[in-house]
Protein backbone atom coordinates (compact mmCIF):
# COMPACT_ATOMS: atom_id res chain seq x y z
CA UNK A 1 136.66 58.69 33.04
CA UNK A 2 137.07 56.55 29.95
CA UNK A 3 135.77 53.10 29.10
CA UNK A 4 138.13 50.14 28.81
CA UNK A 5 137.97 46.80 27.01
CA UNK A 6 139.00 43.74 29.03
CA UNK A 7 138.97 39.96 29.00
CA UNK A 8 138.41 37.49 31.83
CA UNK A 9 141.99 36.33 31.55
CA UNK A 10 141.91 33.69 34.26
CA UNK A 11 139.29 31.78 32.26
CA UNK A 12 142.32 30.42 30.39
CA UNK A 13 145.12 28.24 31.74
CA UNK A 14 147.37 29.95 29.18
CA UNK A 15 147.23 33.24 31.09
CA UNK A 16 150.65 33.68 32.70
CA UNK A 17 149.07 35.55 35.60
CA UNK A 18 146.48 32.89 36.43
CA UNK A 19 148.38 31.08 39.16
CA UNK A 20 149.34 34.37 40.82
CA UNK A 21 145.83 35.82 40.62
CA UNK A 22 144.20 32.68 41.97
CA UNK A 23 146.68 32.14 44.80
CA UNK A 24 145.48 33.99 47.89
CA UNK A 25 148.32 35.01 50.19
CA UNK A 26 146.94 37.51 52.68
CA UNK A 27 143.70 39.03 53.92
CA UNK A 28 143.19 42.20 55.91
CA UNK A 29 140.72 42.51 58.76
CA UNK A 30 139.58 45.84 60.15
CA UNK A 31 139.05 44.02 63.45
CA UNK A 32 141.30 41.04 64.23
CA UNK A 33 139.19 39.86 67.17
CA UNK A 34 139.26 36.08 67.26
CA UNK A 35 142.35 35.98 65.06
CA UNK A 36 144.87 37.80 67.26
CA UNK A 37 147.10 34.73 67.37
CA UNK A 38 147.43 34.78 63.57
CA UNK A 39 147.46 38.50 62.83
CA UNK A 40 150.62 40.39 61.95
CA UNK A 41 151.60 43.21 64.28
CA UNK A 42 154.20 45.85 65.03
CA UNK A 43 155.61 46.42 68.49
CA UNK A 44 155.21 50.04 69.52
CA UNK A 45 156.06 52.03 72.61
CA UNK A 46 153.80 54.93 73.66
CA UNK A 47 155.88 58.11 73.69
CA UNK A 48 154.79 58.99 77.23
CA UNK A 49 156.02 55.63 78.51
CA UNK A 50 159.30 55.91 76.61
CA UNK A 51 159.99 59.39 78.00
CA UNK A 52 159.19 58.23 81.52
CA UNK A 53 161.47 55.22 81.20
CA UNK A 54 164.38 57.09 79.62
CA UNK A 55 164.05 60.22 81.73
CA UNK A 56 166.93 62.66 81.24
CA UNK A 57 168.39 60.30 78.65
CA UNK A 58 165.52 61.03 76.20
CA UNK A 59 167.32 63.54 74.00
CA UNK A 60 170.45 61.38 73.80
CA UNK A 61 168.23 58.39 72.97
CA UNK A 62 166.66 60.26 70.04
CA UNK A 63 170.05 61.31 68.75
CA UNK A 64 171.77 57.92 68.86
CA UNK A 65 168.77 56.20 67.28
CA UNK A 66 168.22 58.99 64.74
CA UNK A 67 164.57 59.31 65.63
CA UNK A 68 162.18 62.16 64.92
CA UNK A 69 161.43 64.06 68.14
CA UNK A 70 157.97 64.90 66.73
CA UNK A 71 156.97 61.25 66.21
CA UNK A 72 153.59 60.25 67.59
CA UNK A 73 154.32 56.52 67.79
CA UNK A 74 157.63 54.77 68.37
CA UNK A 75 158.08 51.52 66.46
CA UNK A 76 160.44 49.23 68.34
CA UNK A 77 162.02 47.98 65.12
CA UNK A 78 163.17 51.53 64.39
CA UNK A 79 165.25 51.63 67.57
CA UNK A 80 168.77 50.97 66.29
CA UNK A 81 170.61 50.70 69.61
CA UNK A 82 170.35 47.14 70.97
CA UNK A 83 170.52 48.19 74.63
CA UNK A 84 167.75 50.75 74.11
CA UNK A 85 165.63 48.17 72.32
CA UNK A 86 165.97 45.68 75.16
CA UNK A 87 165.08 48.35 77.70
CA UNK A 88 161.93 49.40 75.80
CA UNK A 89 160.71 45.91 74.91
CA UNK A 90 159.07 45.43 78.31
CA UNK A 91 156.96 48.55 77.70
CA UNK A 92 156.03 47.67 74.13
CA UNK A 93 152.50 46.99 72.92
CA UNK A 94 151.13 45.15 69.91
CA UNK A 95 149.71 47.29 67.12
CA UNK A 96 147.91 44.94 64.74
CA UNK A 97 148.30 45.70 61.05
CA UNK A 98 145.18 43.70 60.21
CA UNK A 99 147.06 41.42 57.81
CA UNK A 100 146.89 37.64 58.16
CA UNK A 101 148.89 35.20 56.03
CA UNK A 102 146.49 32.57 54.73
CA UNK A 103 149.08 29.79 54.82
CA UNK A 104 149.27 30.17 58.62
CA UNK A 105 145.53 29.70 59.12
CA UNK A 106 144.38 26.23 60.27
CA UNK A 107 141.92 24.59 57.87
CA UNK A 108 139.13 24.60 60.46
CA UNK A 109 139.37 28.41 60.84
CA UNK A 110 139.79 29.40 57.21
CA UNK A 111 136.08 29.61 56.36
CA UNK A 112 135.43 31.95 59.30
CA UNK A 113 138.36 34.14 58.28
CA UNK A 114 137.23 34.41 54.66
CA UNK A 115 133.72 35.30 55.77
CA UNK A 116 135.13 38.17 57.80
CA UNK A 117 137.53 39.45 55.12
CA UNK A 118 136.09 41.73 52.44
CA UNK A 119 136.75 40.93 48.78
CA UNK A 120 138.74 44.15 48.42
CA UNK A 121 140.91 43.31 51.43
CA UNK A 122 142.75 40.37 49.91
CA UNK A 123 146.21 40.06 48.38
CA UNK A 124 147.07 37.44 45.77
CA UNK A 125 150.44 36.40 44.46
CA UNK A 126 149.88 38.77 41.54
CA UNK A 127 149.26 41.71 43.87
CA UNK A 128 152.63 41.11 45.51
CA UNK A 129 154.58 41.55 42.28
CA UNK A 130 156.28 44.82 41.38
CA UNK A 131 154.88 46.82 38.46
CA UNK A 132 158.00 45.93 36.49
CA UNK A 133 157.43 42.21 37.06
CA UNK A 134 153.78 42.56 36.10
CA UNK A 135 154.71 44.37 32.90
CA UNK A 136 157.32 41.74 32.03
CA UNK A 137 154.76 38.97 32.54
CA UNK A 138 152.18 40.73 30.39
CA UNK A 139 154.76 41.25 27.66
CA UNK A 140 155.31 37.49 27.41
CA UNK A 141 151.68 36.42 27.83
CA UNK A 142 149.85 35.08 24.75
CA UNK A 143 146.62 36.68 25.99
CA UNK A 144 148.22 40.13 26.02
CA UNK A 145 146.36 41.58 23.05
CA UNK A 146 147.06 45.30 23.61
CA UNK A 147 150.49 45.54 21.93
CA UNK A 148 152.08 43.49 24.70
CA UNK A 149 150.86 45.88 27.41
CA UNK A 150 148.28 43.50 28.79
CA UNK A 151 144.77 42.17 28.31
CA UNK A 152 143.00 45.49 28.86
CA UNK A 153 142.83 48.39 26.41
CA UNK A 154 141.04 51.65 25.69
CA UNK A 155 137.57 51.80 24.19
CA UNK A 156 137.22 55.55 24.51
CA UNK A 157 135.50 58.28 26.52
CA UNK A 158 132.12 57.70 28.12
CA UNK A 159 130.55 60.01 25.53
CA UNK A 160 132.04 58.12 22.57
CA UNK A 161 129.88 58.31 19.46
CA UNK A 162 130.78 54.76 18.42
CA UNK A 163 127.94 53.05 20.37
CA UNK A 164 125.47 55.38 18.67
CA UNK A 165 126.90 54.56 15.25
CA UNK A 166 126.77 50.86 16.14
CA UNK A 167 123.10 51.21 17.10
CA UNK A 168 122.40 52.67 13.67
CA UNK A 169 123.76 49.51 12.01
CA UNK A 170 122.22 47.06 14.52
CA UNK A 171 125.57 46.15 16.08
CA UNK A 172 124.10 45.21 19.45
CA UNK A 173 127.26 44.50 21.46
CA UNK A 174 129.14 47.70 20.56
CA UNK A 175 125.91 49.68 20.94
CA UNK A 176 125.45 48.27 24.44
CA UNK A 177 128.90 49.25 25.75
CA UNK A 178 127.66 52.14 27.97
CA UNK A 179 124.87 50.05 29.52
CA UNK A 180 127.11 47.00 29.95
CA UNK A 181 129.61 49.12 31.88
CA UNK A 182 126.83 50.19 34.22
CA UNK A 183 125.41 46.68 34.65
CA UNK A 184 128.87 45.03 34.81
CA UNK A 185 127.79 42.56 32.14
CA UNK A 186 130.17 39.75 31.22
CA UNK A 187 130.00 38.68 27.57
CA UNK A 188 130.42 35.03 26.59
CA UNK A 189 132.95 33.42 24.27
CA UNK A 190 130.14 33.06 21.71
CA UNK A 191 129.57 36.81 21.96
CA UNK A 192 133.16 37.31 20.78
CA UNK A 193 132.14 35.81 17.43
CA UNK A 194 129.26 38.27 17.21
CA UNK A 195 131.56 41.14 18.17
CA UNK A 196 133.98 40.29 15.36
CA UNK A 197 131.09 40.33 12.89
CA UNK A 198 130.08 43.76 14.21
CA UNK A 199 133.65 45.06 13.86
CA UNK A 200 133.72 43.91 10.24
CA UNK A 201 130.42 45.63 9.48
CA UNK A 202 131.40 48.86 11.26
CA UNK A 203 134.66 49.02 9.30
CA UNK A 204 132.62 48.90 6.12
CA UNK A 205 130.09 51.49 7.28
CA UNK A 206 132.39 53.93 9.12
CA UNK A 207 133.47 55.79 5.94
CA UNK A 208 129.79 56.69 5.43
CA UNK A 209 129.97 58.55 8.77
CA UNK A 210 132.81 60.77 7.52
CA UNK A 211 136.59 60.90 7.61
CA UNK A 212 136.66 62.21 11.17
CA UNK A 213 134.83 59.13 12.42
CA UNK A 214 137.16 56.85 10.47
CA UNK A 215 140.21 58.48 12.07
CA UNK A 216 138.64 58.53 15.51
CA UNK A 217 137.32 54.98 15.70
CA UNK A 218 139.44 52.81 13.41
CA UNK A 219 141.88 52.20 16.26
CA UNK A 220 139.05 51.21 18.59
CA UNK A 221 137.79 48.69 16.05
CA UNK A 222 141.32 47.30 15.73
CA UNK A 223 141.49 46.80 19.50
CA UNK A 224 138.06 45.18 19.62
CA UNK A 225 139.12 42.80 16.86
CA UNK A 226 142.34 41.82 18.63
CA UNK A 227 140.48 41.26 21.87
CA UNK A 228 137.76 39.23 20.15
CA UNK A 229 140.30 36.98 18.46
CA UNK A 230 142.06 36.32 21.77
CA UNK A 231 138.71 35.45 23.36
CA UNK A 232 138.00 32.90 20.65
CA UNK A 233 141.49 31.42 20.68
CA UNK A 234 141.78 31.07 24.45
CA UNK A 235 138.06 30.68 25.30
CA UNK A 236 137.80 33.70 27.56
CA UNK A 237 134.85 35.94 28.28
CA UNK A 238 135.10 39.72 27.98
CA UNK A 239 133.61 42.90 29.41
CA UNK A 240 133.74 46.69 29.37
CA UNK A 241 134.49 48.82 32.40
């Protein structure tokens, strides 16, 4: 896997995604115990119960509702015929999806819910956008430094020679990219100034490393420079991942 360059975009109020990324809409619980009254669910009918209830009418039921005879679970919402749906409702059971809409949670229960929900099991307003809408937002965002594609760009492969070259010329930030990926280090806005100085020095020294290195890493230096300038302008931190 390669290494990427990224900024902490929500440090800035100018980031068009900030409101979406900081607005929590839903959380997912692996176990909804204690929150059953708030959790989203589907109504299902066990196949054995449905067959018993419909009896000889089972095959006709499948045909008129266009249902797969090999299905393992019957979702009530998939039953198209209103009379069939009413008949099966009494035998339906709740199958919890695990999702809970945060805006439905009373204030006195929110802390307990958030404690139970993992950080990776949360959906923000940004997560709910389509990829097309995300791309359109990034295209308009002033923090989108990677040719309008967003605020994250490519540094290079994990075995990039650029950190080694940077070490040779005492460019500490670029030299530390591999270790900062591992440690998940976040660089400060002040570090962006230092990074820009390193980029300037490496541009001067790269020809001494040969034409191949110039061709290979000039683009990376360009991206680092663009990112660094955005960090200074909008006061955002940055990192490598």
